[in-house]
Amino acid sequence: MEKIITFEDFTKVDLRVGTIIEVNDFPNAKKPAYQLAIDFGDLGIKKSSAQITTLYKKKDLLNRQIIAVVNFPKKQIANFMSECLVMGAVKEDDVFLLHPEAKVKNGTQVS
């Protein structure tokens, strides 16, 4: 465990379920990545860059639900503006996307 946080710290993180509706290659990224457009329901569509090219093909990501942090400030990554952080478990160099077991409404809060 790296750092202990308080429950109040945790409540500041807005984790939501969204559905990937668009996947594009990201040739300008330093490490192989995709550009994603994710539908978060009432929160709208947000874009993200994700280094998930080793385990996931673009066609397999379309319409897949994921979990992301949606209340980070926007971050410039090469020529792309990332608006959320897709969550994944990292094992060595592979990233395994976190997702709900069953389909839920886009924008559902994770707690």
PDB file of N, CA and C in Angstrom:
ATOM      1  N   MET A   1       0.858  -1.173   0.000  1.00  0.00           N
ATOM      2  CA  MET A   1       0.000   0.000   0.000  1.00  0.00           C
ATOM      3  C   MET A   1       0.903   1.234   0.000  1.00  0.00           C
ATOM      4  N   GLU A   2       0.634   2.149  -0.913  1.00  0.00           N
ATOM      5  CA  GLU A   2       1.495   3.311  -1.037  1.00  0.00           C
ATOM      6  C   GLU A   2       1.125   4.442  -0.092  1.00  0.00           C
ATOM      7  N   LYS A   3      -0.126   4.890  -0.134  1.00  0.00           N
ATOM      8  CA  LYS A   3      -0.551   6.010   0.697  1.00  0.00           C
ATOM      9  C   LYS A   3      -1.928   5.720   1.274  1.00  0.00           C
ATOM     10  N   ILE A   4      -2.134   6.122   2.487  1.00  0.00           N
ATOM     11  CA  ILE A   4      -3.442   6.002   3.125  1.00  0.00           C
ATOM     12  C   ILE A   4      -4.231   7.273   2.806  1.00  0.00           C
ATOM     13  N   ILE A   5      -5.489   7.096   2.373  1.00  0.00           N
ATOM     14  CA  ILE A   5      -6.358   8.245   2.136  1.00  0.00           C
ATOM     15  C   ILE A   5      -7.556   8.131   3.064  1.00  0.00           C
ATOM     16  N   THR A   6      -8.242   9.229   3.218  1.00  0.00           N
ATOM     17  CA  THR A   6      -9.439   9.224   4.045  1.00  0.00           C
ATOM     18  C   THR A   6     -10.646   8.869   3.176  1.00  0.00           C
ATOM     19  N   PHE A   7     -11.750   8.533   3.831  1.00  0.00           N
ATOM     20  CA  PHE A   7     -12.983   8.274   3.101  1.00  0.00           C
ATOM     21  C   PHE A   7     -13.400   9.518   2.330  1.00  0.00           C
ATOM     22  N   GLU A   8     -13.186  10.689   2.922  1.00  0.00           N
ATOM     23  CA  GLU A   8     -13.524  11.953   2.255  1.00  0.00           C
ATOM     24  C   GLU A   8     -12.711  12.119   0.978  1.00  0.00           C
ATOM     25  N   ASP A   9     -11.429  11.686   0.992  1.00  0.00           N
ATOM     26  CA  ASP A   9     -10.611  11.721  -0.228  1.00  0.00           C
ATOM     27  C   ASP A   9     -11.248  10.845  -1.305  1.00  0.00           C
ATOM     28  N   PHE A  10     -11.657   9.641  -0.925  1.00  0.00           N
ATOM     29  CA  PHE A  10     -12.253   8.701  -1.875  1.00  0.00           C
ATOM     30  C   PHE A  10     -13.541   9.264  -2.474  1.00  0.00           C
ATOM     31  N   THR A  11     -14.345   9.943  -1.673  1.00  0.00           N
ATOM     32  CA  THR A  11     -15.625  10.449  -2.176  1.00  0.00           C
ATOM     33  C   THR A  11     -15.438  11.539  -3.229  1.00  0.00           C
ATOM     34  N   LYS A  12     -14.248  12.090  -3.343  1.00  0.00           N
ATOM     35  CA  LYS A  12     -13.979  13.104  -4.368  1.00  0.00           C
ATOM     36  C   LYS A  12     -13.794  12.484  -5.756  1.00  0.00           C
ATOM     37  N   VAL A  13     -13.519  11.201  -5.803  1.00  0.00           N
ATOM     38  CA  VAL A  13     -13.296  10.513  -7.082  1.00  0.00           C
ATOM     39  C   VAL A  13     -14.649  10.089  -7.650  1.00  0.00           C
ATOM     40  N   ASP A  14     -14.968  10.588  -8.844  1.00  0.00           N
ATOM     41  CA  ASP A  14     -16.243  10.280  -9.486  1.00  0.00           C
ATOM     42  C   ASP A  14     -16.026   9.176 -10.524  1.00  0.00           C
ATOM     43  N   LEU A  15     -16.324   7.941 -10.116  1.00  0.00           N
ATOM     44  CA  LEU A  15     -16.195   6.777 -10.993  1.00  0.00           C
ATOM     45  C   LEU A  15     -17.554   6.492 -11.612  1.00  0.00           C
ATOM     46  N   ARG A  16     -17.582   6.349 -12.941  1.00  0.00           N
ATOM     47  CA  ARG A  16     -18.845   6.108 -13.649  1.00  0.00           C
ATOM     48  C   ARG A  16     -18.689   5.003 -14.682  1.00  0.00           C
ATOM     49  N   VAL A  17     -19.800   4.385 -15.000  1.00  0.00           N
ATOM     50  CA  VAL A  17     -19.851   3.385 -16.065  1.00  0.00           C
ATOM     51  C   VAL A  17     -20.190   4.096 -17.369  1.00  0.00           C
ATOM     52  N   GLY A  18     -19.474   3.737 -18.415  1.00  0.00           N
ATOM     53  CA  GLY A  18     -19.747   4.279 -19.740  1.00  0.00           C
ATOM     54  C   GLY A  18     -19.582   3.201 -20.789  1.00  0.00           C
ATOM     55  N   THR A  19     -20.107   3.475 -21.974  1.00  0.00           N
ATOM     56  CA  THR A  19     -20.004   2.547 -23.098  1.00  0.00           C
ATOM     57  C   THR A  19     -19.124   3.159 -24.180  1.00  0.00           C
ATOM     58  N   ILE A  20     -18.145   2.393 -24.630  1.00  0.00           N
ATOM     59  CA  ILE A  20     -17.253   2.855 -25.699  1.00  0.00           C
ATOM     60  C   ILE A  20     -18.051   2.862 -27.001  1.00  0.00           C
ATOM     61  N   ILE A  21     -18.121   4.039 -27.643  1.00  0.00           N
ATOM     62  CA  ILE A  21     -18.909   4.163 -28.872  1.00  0.00           C
ATOM     63  C   ILE A  21     -18.022   4.431 -30.097  1.00  0.00           C
ATOM     64  N   GLU A  22     -16.746   4.724 -29.866  1.00  0.00           N
ATOM     65  CA  GLU A  22     -15.830   4.958 -30.979  1.00  0.00           C
ATOM     66  C   GLU A  22     -14.410   4.617 -30.533  1.00  0.00           C
ATOM     67  N   VAL A  23     -13.665   3.963 -31.426  1.00  0.00           N
ATOM     68  CA  VAL A  23     -12.276   3.586 -31.145  1.00  0.00           C
ATOM     69  C   VAL A  23     -11.433   3.934 -32.370  1.00  0.00           C
ATOM     70  N   ASN A  24     -10.362   4.695 -32.152  1.00  0.00           N
ATOM     71  CA  ASN A  24      -9.463   5.057 -33.246  1.00  0.00           C
ATOM     72  C   ASN A  24      -8.022   4.793 -32.842  1.00  0.00           C
ATOM     73  N   ASP A  25      -7.192   4.519 -33.830  1.00  0.00           N
ATOM     74  CA  ASP A  25      -5.758   4.412 -33.581  1.00  0.00           C
ATOM     75  C   ASP A  25      -5.242   5.772 -33.118  1.00  0.00           C
ATOM     76  N   PHE A  26      -4.136   5.756 -32.386  1.00  0.00           N
ATOM     77  CA  PHE A  26      -3.533   6.998 -31.875  1.00  0.00           C
ATOM     78  C   PHE A  26      -2.041   6.978 -32.229  1.00  0.00           C
ATOM     79  N   PRO A  27      -1.726   7.231 -33.506  1.00  0.00           N
ATOM     80  CA  PRO A  27      -0.336   7.124 -33.955  1.00  0.00           C
ATOM     81  C   PRO A  27       0.612   8.135 -33.318  1.00  0.00           C
ATOM     82  N   ASN A  28       0.108   9.249 -32.786  1.00  0.00           N
ATOM     83  CA  ASN A  28       0.980  10.260 -32.176  1.00  0.00           C
ATOM     84  C   ASN A  28       1.308   9.985 -30.706  1.00  0.00           C
ATOM     85  N   ALA A  29       0.724   8.953 -30.130  1.00  0.00           N
ATOM     86  CA  ALA A  29       1.000   8.610 -28.726  1.00  0.00           C
ATOM     87  C   ALA A  29       2.421   8.050 -28.611  1.00  0.00           C
ATOM     88  N   LYS A  30       3.073   8.325 -27.479  1.00  0.00           N
ATOM     89  CA  LYS A  30       4.430   7.799 -27.242  1.00  0.00           C
ATOM     90  C   LYS A  30       4.431   6.282 -27.150  1.00  0.00           C
ATOM     91  N   LYS A  31       3.424   5.729 -26.457  1.00  0.00           N
ATOM     92  CA  LYS A  31       3.254   4.283 -26.350  1.00  0.00           C
ATOM     93  C   LYS A  31       1.977   3.910 -27.104  1.00  0.00           C
ATOM     94  N   PRO A  32       1.905   2.700 -27.664  1.00  0.00           N
ATOM     95  CA  PRO A  32       0.707   2.317 -28.416  1.00  0.00           C
ATOM     96  C   PRO A  32      -0.568   2.528 -27.595  1.00  0.00           C
ATOM     97  N   ALA A  33      -1.546   3.191 -28.208  1.00  0.00           N
ATOM     98  CA  ALA A  33      -2.789   3.530 -27.509  1.00  0.00           C
ATOM     99  C   ALA A  33      -3.919   3.694 -28.518  1.00  0.00           C
ATOM    100  N   TYR A  34      -5.131   3.684 -27.990  1.00  0.00           N
ATOM    101  CA  TYR A  34      -6.319   4.012 -28.770  1.00  0.00           C
ATOM    102  C   TYR A  34      -6.897   5.325 -28.260  1.00  0.00           C
ATOM    103  N   GLN A  35      -7.604   6.015 -29.138  1.00  0.00           N
ATOM    104  CA  GLN A  35      -8.437   7.145 -28.756  1.00  0.00           C
ATOM    105  C   GLN A  35      -9.855   6.618 -28.642  1.00  0.00           C
ATOM    106  N   LEU A  36     -10.471   6.827 -27.488  1.00  0.00           N
ATOM    107  CA  LEU A  36     -11.814   6.319 -27.237  1.00  0.00           C
ATOM    108  C   LEU A  36     -12.811   7.459 -27.076  1.00  0.00           C
ATOM    109  N   ALA A  37     -14.027   7.256 -27.557  1.00  0.00           N
ATOM    110  CA  ALA A  37     -15.156   8.118 -27.234  1.00  0.00           C
ATOM    111  C   ALA A  37     -16.104   7.256 -26.413  1.00  0.00           C
ATOM    112  N   ILE A  38     -16.475   7.761 -25.225  1.00  0.00           N
ATOM    113  CA  ILE A  38     -17.234   6.965 -24.263  1.00  0.00           C
ATOM    114  C   ILE A  38     -18.514   7.708 -23.892  1.00  0.00           C
ATOM    115  N   ASP A  39     -19.637   7.010 -23.980  1.00  0.00           N
ATOM    116  CA  ASP A  39     -20.937   7.576 -23.647  1.00  0.00           C
ATOM    117  C   ASP A  39     -21.220   7.353 -22.164  1.00  0.00           C
ATOM    118  N   PHE A  40     -21.330   8.456 -21.415  1.00  0.00           N
ATOM    119  CA  PHE A  40     -21.629   8.404 -19.989  1.00  0.00           C
ATOM    120  C   PHE A  40     -23.061   8.873 -19.696  1.00  0.00           C
ATOM    121  N   GLY A  41     -23.973   8.634 -20.619  1.00  0.00           N
ATOM    122  CA  GLY A  41     -25.379   8.980 -20.389  1.00  0.00           C
ATOM    123  C   GLY A  41     -25.573  10.466 -20.210  1.00  0.00           C
ATOM    124  N   ASP A  42     -26.189  10.873 -19.085  1.00  0.00           N
ATOM    125  CA  ASP A  42     -26.479  12.282 -18.823  1.00  0.00           C
ATOM    126  C   ASP A  42     -25.221  13.149 -18.733  1.00  0.00           C
ATOM    127  N   LEU A  43     -24.063  12.539 -18.468  1.00  0.00           N
ATOM    128  CA  LEU A  43     -22.799  13.297 -18.403  1.00  0.00           C
ATOM    129  C   LEU A  43     -22.247  13.591 -19.798  1.00  0.00           C
ATOM    130  N   GLY A  44     -22.799  12.958 -20.811  1.00  0.00           N
ATOM    131  CA  GLY A  44     -22.367  13.192 -22.178  1.00  0.00           C
ATOM    132  C   GLY A  44     -21.278  12.232 -22.627  1.00  0.00           C
ATOM    133  N   ILE A  45     -20.688  12.563 -23.756  1.00  0.00           N
ATOM    134  CA  ILE A  45     -19.621  11.752 -24.344  1.00  0.00           C
ATOM    135  C   ILE A  45     -18.288  12.381 -23.985  1.00  0.00           C
ATOM    136  N   LYS A  46     -17.381  11.560 -23.462  1.00  0.00           N
ATOM    137  CA  LYS A  46     -16.050  12.028 -23.089  1.00  0.00           C
ATOM    138  C   LYS A  46     -15.022  11.203 -23.853  1.00  0.00           C
ATOM    139  N   LYS A  47     -13.882  11.843 -24.108  1.00  0.00           N
ATOM    140  CA  LYS A  47     -12.801  11.178 -24.837  1.00  0.00           C
ATOM    141  C   LYS A  47     -11.699  10.773 -23.876  1.00  0.00           C
ATOM    142  N   SER A  48     -11.004   9.693 -24.238  1.00  0.00           N
ATOM    143  CA  SER A  48      -9.894   9.215 -23.422  1.00  0.00           C
ATOM    144  C   SER A  48      -8.879   8.523 -24.314  1.00  0.00           C
ATOM    145  N   SER A  49      -7.639   8.573 -23.887  1.00  0.00           N
ATOM    146  CA  SER A  49      -6.578   7.796 -24.517  1.00  0.00           C
ATOM    147  C   SER A  49      -6.298   6.612 -23.603  1.00  0.00           C
ATOM    148  N   ALA A  50      -6.172   5.416 -24.195  1.00  0.00           N
ATOM    149  CA  ALA A  50      -5.958   4.226 -23.373  1.00  0.00           C
ATOM    150  C   ALA A  50      -4.906   3.325 -24.012  1.00  0.00           C
ATOM    151  N   GLN A  51      -3.919   2.944 -23.202  1.00  0.00           N
ATOM    152  CA  GLN A  51      -2.845   2.060 -23.666  1.00  0.00           C
ATOM    153  C   GLN A  51      -3.285   0.604 -23.480  1.00  0.00           C
ATOM    154  N   ILE A  52      -4.201   0.187 -24.325  1.00  0.00           N
ATOM    155  CA  ILE A  52      -4.812  -1.139 -24.195  1.00  0.00           C
ATOM    156  C   ILE A  52      -4.717  -1.933 -25.497  1.00  0.00           C
ATOM    157  N   THR A  53      -3.762  -1.590 -26.341  1.00  0.00           N
ATOM    158  CA  THR A  53      -3.691  -2.196 -27.679  1.00  0.00           C
ATOM    159  C   THR A  53      -3.179  -3.627 -27.676  1.00  0.00           C
ATOM    160  N   THR A  54      -2.489  -4.059 -26.620  1.00  0.00           N
ATOM    161  CA  THR A  54      -1.949  -5.428 -26.624  1.00  0.00           C
ATOM    162  C   THR A  54      -3.015  -6.483 -26.377  1.00  0.00           C
ATOM    163  N   LEU A  55      -4.007  -6.178 -25.573  1.00  0.00           N
ATOM    164  CA  LEU A  55      -5.040  -7.170 -25.238  1.00  0.00           C
ATOM    165  C   LEU A  55      -6.357  -6.975 -25.977  1.00  0.00           C
ATOM    166  N   TYR A  56      -6.593  -5.774 -26.523  1.00  0.00           N
ATOM    167  CA  TYR A  56      -7.899  -5.467 -27.091  1.00  0.00           C
ATOM    168  C   TYR A  56      -7.778  -4.983 -28.538  1.00  0.00           C
ATOM    169  N   LYS A  57      -8.622  -5.539 -29.387  1.00  0.00           N
ATOM    170  CA  LYS A  57      -8.755  -5.078 -30.770  1.00  0.00           C
ATOM    171  C   LYS A  57      -9.856  -4.025 -30.806  1.00  0.00           C
ATOM    172  N   LYS A  58      -9.752  -3.103 -31.749  1.00  0.00           N
ATOM    173  CA  LYS A  58     -10.730  -2.017 -31.834  1.00  0.00           C
ATOM    174  C   LYS A  58     -12.163  -2.551 -31.921  1.00  0.00           C
ATOM    175  N   LYS A  59     -12.388  -3.559 -32.738  1.00  0.00           N
ATOM    176  CA  LYS A  59     -13.758  -4.088 -32.926  1.00  0.00           C
ATOM    177  C   LYS A  59     -14.302  -4.705 -31.640  1.00  0.00           C
ATOM    178  N   ASP A  60     -13.420  -5.222 -30.782  1.00  0.00           N
ATOM    179  CA  ASP A  60     -13.859  -5.842 -29.524  1.00  0.00           C
ATOM    180  C   ASP A  60     -14.198  -4.805 -28.454  1.00  0.00           C
ATOM    181  N   LEU A  61     -13.726  -3.576 -28.636  1.00  0.00           N
ATOM    182  CA  LEU A  61     -13.979  -2.523 -27.660  1.00  0.00           C
ATOM    183  C   LEU A  61     -15.301  -1.795 -27.899  1.00  0.00           C
ATOM    184  N   LEU A  62     -15.751  -1.771 -29.145  1.00  0.00           N
ATOM    185  CA  LEU A  62     -17.002  -1.077 -29.457  1.00  0.00           C
ATOM    186  C   LEU A  62     -18.160  -1.672 -28.667  1.00  0.00           C
ATOM    187  N   ASN A  63     -18.942  -0.801 -28.058  1.00  0.00           N
ATOM    188  CA  ASN A  63     -20.127  -1.152 -27.266  1.00  0.00           C
ATOM    189  C   ASN A  63     -19.789  -1.873 -25.961  1.00  0.00           C
ATOM    190  N   ARG A  64     -18.542  -1.863 -25.566  1.00  0.00           N
ATOM    191  CA  ARG A  64     -18.122  -2.471 -24.302  1.00  0.00           C
ATOM    192  C   ARG A  64     -18.271  -1.437 -23.181  1.00  0.00           C
ATOM    193  N   GLN A  65     -18.834  -1.858 -22.061  1.00  0.00           N
ATOM    194  CA  GLN A  65     -18.930  -0.962 -20.911  1.00  0.00           C
ATOM    195  C   GLN A  65     -17.627  -1.006 -20.118  1.00  0.00           C
ATOM    196  N   ILE A  66     -17.235   0.160 -19.631  1.00  0.00           N
ATOM    197  CA  ILE A  66     -16.011   0.298 -18.848  1.00  0.00           C
ATOM    198  C   ILE A  66     -16.312   1.182 -17.635  1.00  0.00           C
ATOM    199  N   ILE A  67     -15.321   1.321 -16.777  1.00  0.00           N
ATOM    200  CA  ILE A  67     -15.400   2.219 -15.626  1.00  0.00           C
ATOM    201  C   ILE A  67     -14.312   3.264 -15.798  1.00  0.00           C
ATOM    202  N   ALA A  68     -14.653   4.517 -15.538  1.00  0.00           N
ATOM    203  CA  ALA A  68     -13.678   5.598 -15.699  1.00  0.00           C
ATOM    204  C   ALA A  68     -13.875   6.662 -14.626  1.00  0.00           C
ATOM    205  N   VAL A  69     -12.791   7.373 -14.332  1.00  0.00           N
ATOM    206  CA  VAL A  69     -12.849   8.562 -13.492  1.00  0.00           C
ATOM    207  C   VAL A  69     -13.232   9.710 -14.411  1.00  0.00           C
ATOM    208  N   VAL A  70     -14.330  10.395 -14.087  1.00  0.00           N
ATOM    209  CA  VAL A  70     -14.829  11.440 -14.985  1.00  0.00           C
ATOM    210  C   VAL A  70     -14.618  12.860 -14.461  1.00  0.00           C
ATOM    211  N   ASN A  71     -14.030  13.009 -13.285  1.00  0.00           N
ATOM    212  CA  ASN A  71     -13.879  14.362 -12.747  1.00  0.00           C
ATOM    213  C   ASN A  71     -12.421  14.818 -12.634  1.00  0.00           C
ATOM    214  N   PHE A  72     -11.559  14.292 -13.496  1.00  0.00           N
ATOM    215  CA  PHE A  72     -10.209  14.830 -13.626  1.00  0.00           C
ATOM    216  C   PHE A  72     -10.249  16.037 -14.553  1.00  0.00           C
ATOM    217  N   PRO A  73      -9.299  16.947 -14.418  1.00  0.00           N
ATOM    218  CA  PRO A  73      -9.214  18.003 -15.436  1.00  0.00           C
ATOM    219  C   PRO A  73      -8.758  17.391 -16.761  1.00  0.00           C
ATOM    220  N   LYS A  74      -9.089  18.051 -17.862  1.00  0.00           N
ATOM    221  CA  LYS A  74      -8.661  17.584 -19.174  1.00  0.00           C
ATOM    222  C   LYS A  74      -7.137  17.545 -19.223  1.00  0.00           C
ATOM    223  N   LYS A  75      -6.598  16.572 -20.001  1.00  0.00           N
ATOM    224  CA  LYS A  75      -5.152  16.424 -20.106  1.00  0.00           C
ATOM    225  C   LYS A  75      -4.760  16.264 -21.570  1.00  0.00           C
ATOM    226  N   GLN A  76      -3.814  17.088 -22.000  1.00  0.00           N
ATOM    227  CA  GLN A  76      -3.315  17.016 -23.369  1.00  0.00           C
ATOM    228  C   GLN A  76      -2.345  15.846 -23.485  1.00  0.00           C
ATOM    229  N   ILE A  77      -2.627  14.927 -24.410  1.00  0.00           N
ATOM    230  CA  ILE A  77      -1.746  13.800 -24.683  1.00  0.00           C
ATOM    231  C   ILE A  77      -1.435  13.870 -26.170  1.00  0.00           C
ATOM    232  N   ALA A  78      -0.210  14.268 -26.494  1.00  0.00           N
ATOM    233  CA  ALA A  78       0.183  14.528 -27.884  1.00  0.00           C
ATOM    234  C   ALA A  78      -0.808  15.540 -28.465  1.00  0.00           C
ATOM    235  N   ASN A  79      -1.477  15.180 -29.561  1.00  0.00           N
ATOM    236  CA  ASN A  79      -2.422  16.111 -30.199  1.00  0.00           C
ATOM    237  C   ASN A  79      -3.878  15.807 -29.809  1.00  0.00           C
ATOM    238  N   PHE A  80      -4.084  15.166 -28.669  1.00  0.00           N
ATOM    239  CA  PHE A  80      -5.397  14.686 -28.248  1.00  0.00           C
ATOM    240  C   PHE A  80      -5.693  15.182 -26.834  1.00  0.00           C
ATOM    241  N   MET A  81      -6.941  15.607 -26.598  1.00  0.00           N
ATOM    242  CA  MET A  81      -7.347  16.066 -25.275  1.00  0.00           C
ATOM    243  C   MET A  81      -8.151  14.963 -24.585  1.00  0.00           C
ATOM    244  N   SER A  82      -7.580  14.379 -23.530  1.00  0.00           N
ATOM    245  CA  SER A  82      -8.241  13.327 -22.772  1.00  0.00           C
ATOM    246  C   SER A  82      -9.114  13.959 -21.697  1.00  0.00           C
ATOM    247  N   GLU A  83     -10.355  13.463 -21.565  1.00  0.00           N
ATOM    248  CA  GLU A  83     -11.323  14.054 -20.645  1.00  0.00           C
ATOM    249  C   GLU A  83     -11.702  13.149 -19.480  1.00  0.00           C
ATOM    250  N   CYS A  84     -11.226  11.914 -19.489  1.00  0.00           N
ATOM    251  CA  CYS A  84     -11.513  10.988 -18.398  1.00  0.00           C
ATOM    252  C   CYS A  84     -10.413   9.937 -18.364  1.00  0.00           C
ATOM    253  N   LEU A  85     -10.366   9.164 -17.279  1.00  0.00           N
ATOM    254  CA  LEU A  85      -9.349   8.127 -17.114  1.00  0.00           C
ATOM    255  C   LEU A  85     -10.029   6.772 -17.010  1.00  0.00           C
ATOM    256  N   VAL A  86      -9.809   5.936 -18.026  1.00  0.00           N
ATOM    257  CA  VAL A  86     -10.370   4.592 -18.042  1.00  0.00           C
ATOM    258  C   VAL A  86      -9.599   3.738 -17.040  1.00  0.00           C
ATOM    259  N   MET A  87     -10.327   2.988 -16.222  1.00  0.00           N
ATOM    260  CA  MET A  87      -9.713   2.191 -15.169  1.00  0.00           C
ATOM    261  C   MET A  87      -9.349   0.796 -15.666  1.00  0.00           C
ATOM    262  N   GLY A  88      -8.196   0.312 -15.214  1.00  0.00           N
ATOM    263  CA  GLY A  88      -7.763  -1.026 -15.578  1.00  0.00           C
ATOM    264  C   GLY A  88      -6.819  -1.588 -14.542  1.00  0.00           C
ATOM    265  N   ALA A  89      -6.745  -2.888 -14.491  1.00  0.00           N
ATOM    266  CA  ALA A  89      -5.782  -3.579 -13.635  1.00  0.00           C
ATOM    267  C   ALA A  89      -4.543  -3.845 -14.476  1.00  0.00           C
ATOM    268  N   VAL A  90      -3.382  -3.535 -13.928  1.00  0.00           N
ATOM    269  CA  VAL A  90      -2.137  -3.662 -14.677  1.00  0.00           C
ATOM    270  C   VAL A  90      -1.365  -4.882 -14.180  1.00  0.00           C
ATOM    271  N   LYS A  91      -1.003  -5.737 -15.131  1.00  0.00           N
ATOM    272  CA  LYS A  91      -0.166  -6.904 -14.848  1.00  0.00           C
ATOM    273  C   LYS A  91       0.974  -6.864 -15.855  1.00  0.00           C
ATOM    274  N   GLU A  92       2.181  -6.630 -15.342  1.00  0.00           N
ATOM    275  CA  GLU A  92       3.352  -6.433 -16.186  1.00  0.00           C
ATOM    276  C   GLU A  92       3.054  -5.268 -17.116  1.00  0.00           C
ATOM    277  N   ASP A  93       3.024  -5.465 -18.425  1.00  0.00           N
ATOM    278  CA  ASP A  93       2.730  -4.361 -19.346  1.00  0.00           C
ATOM    279  C   ASP A  93       1.311  -4.397 -19.885  1.00  0.00           C
ATOM    280  N   ASP A  94       0.503  -5.341 -19.429  1.00  0.00           N
ATOM    281  CA  ASP A  94      -0.860  -5.476 -19.926  1.00  0.00           C
ATOM    282  C   ASP A  94      -1.846  -4.751 -19.019  1.00  0.00           C
ATOM    283  N   VAL A  95      -2.866  -4.135 -19.633  1.00  0.00           N
ATOM    284  CA  VAL A  95      -3.923  -3.453 -18.899  1.00  0.00           C
ATOM    285  C   VAL A  95      -5.231  -4.198 -19.168  1.00  0.00           C
ATOM    286  N   PHE A  96      -5.874  -4.665 -18.089  1.00  0.00           N
ATOM    287  CA  PHE A  96      -7.143  -5.372 -18.159  1.00  0.00           C
ATOM    288  C   PHE A  96      -8.243  -4.404 -17.736  1.00  0.00           C
ATOM    289  N   LEU A  97      -9.141  -4.073 -18.645  1.00  0.00           N
ATOM    290  CA  LEU A  97     -10.181  -3.090 -18.363  1.00  0.00           C
ATOM    291  C   LEU A  97     -11.109  -3.554 -17.246  1.00  0.00           C
ATOM    292  N   LEU A  98     -11.474  -2.615 -16.374  1.00  0.00           N
ATOM    293  CA  LEU A  98     -12.480  -2.883 -15.344  1.00  0.00           C
ATOM    294  C   LEU A  98     -13.854  -2.599 -15.945  1.00  0.00           C
ATOM    295  N   HIS A  99     -14.824  -3.451 -15.625  1.00  0.00           N
ATOM    296  CA  HIS A  99     -16.152  -3.295 -16.201  1.00  0.00           C
ATOM    297  C   HIS A  99     -17.189  -3.942 -15.286  1.00  0.00           C
ATOM    298  N   PRO A 100     -18.455  -3.494 -15.402  1.00  0.00           N
ATOM    299  CA  PRO A 100     -19.505  -4.138 -14.603  1.00  0.00           C
ATOM    300  C   PRO A 100     -19.783  -5.543 -15.127  1.00  0.00           C
ATOM    301  N   GLU A 101     -20.236  -6.427 -14.246  1.00  0.00           N
ATOM    302  CA  GLU A 101     -20.563  -7.800 -14.640  1.00  0.00           C
ATOM    303  C   GLU A 101     -21.792  -7.868 -15.530  1.00  0.00           C
ATOM    304  N   ALA A 102     -22.723  -6.980 -15.304  1.00  0.00           N
ATOM    305  CA  ALA A 102     -23.950  -6.941 -16.104  1.00  0.00           C
ATOM    306  C   ALA A 102     -24.086  -5.546 -16.694  1.00  0.00           C
ATOM    307  N   LYS A 103     -24.839  -5.433 -17.796  1.00  0.00           N
ATOM    308  CA  LYS A 103     -25.040  -4.133 -18.425  1.00  0.00           C
ATOM    309  C   LYS A 103     -25.833  -3.241 -17.472  1.00  0.00           C
ATOM    310  N   VAL A 104     -25.351  -2.013 -17.303  1.00  0.00           N
ATOM    311  CA  VAL A 104     -26.042  -1.026 -16.475  1.00  0.00           C
ATOM    312  C   VAL A 104     -26.179   0.267 -17.282  1.00  0.00           C
ATOM    313  N   LYS A 105     -26.990   1.165 -16.785  1.00  0.00           N
ATOM    314  CA  LYS A 105     -27.224   2.444 -17.453  1.00  0.00           C
ATOM    315  C   LYS A 105     -25.919   3.242 -17.510  1.00  0.00           C
ATOM    316  N   ASN A 106     -25.632   3.816 -18.694  1.00  0.00           N
ATOM    317  CA  ASN A 106     -24.449   4.673 -18.816  1.00  0.00           C
ATOM    318  C   ASN A 106     -24.560   5.845 -17.842  1.00  0.00           C
ATOM    319  N   GLY A 107     -23.459   6.138 -17.188  1.00  0.00           N
ATOM    320  CA  GLY A 107     -23.425   7.219 -16.204  1.00  0.00           C
ATOM    321  C   GLY A 107     -23.644   6.731 -14.786  1.00  0.00           C
ATOM    322  N   THR A 108     -23.954   5.432 -14.612  1.00  0.00           N
ATOM    323  CA  THR A 108     -24.145   4.891 -13.271  1.00  0.00           C
ATOM    324  C   THR A 108     -22.879   5.102 -12.452  1.00  0.00           C
ATOM    325  N   GLN A 109     -23.050   5.602 -11.237  1.00  0.00           N
ATOM    326  CA  GLN A 109     -21.920   5.874 -10.360  1.00  0.00           C
ATOM    327  C   GLN A 109     -21.430   4.588  -9.703  1.00  0.00           C
ATOM    328  N   VAL A 110     -20.111   4.464  -9.626  1.00  0.00           N
ATOM    329  CA  VAL A 110     -19.485   3.336  -8.960  1.00  0.00           C
ATOM    330  C   VAL A 110     -19.106   3.781  -7.564  1.00  0.00           C
ATOM    331  N   SER A 111     -19.464   2.978  -6.568  1.00  0.00           N
ATOM    332  CA  SER A 111     -19.136   3.356  -5.192  1.00  0.00           C
ATOM    333  C   SER A 111     -18.635   2.154  -4.422  1.00  0.00           C
TER     334      SER A 111
END
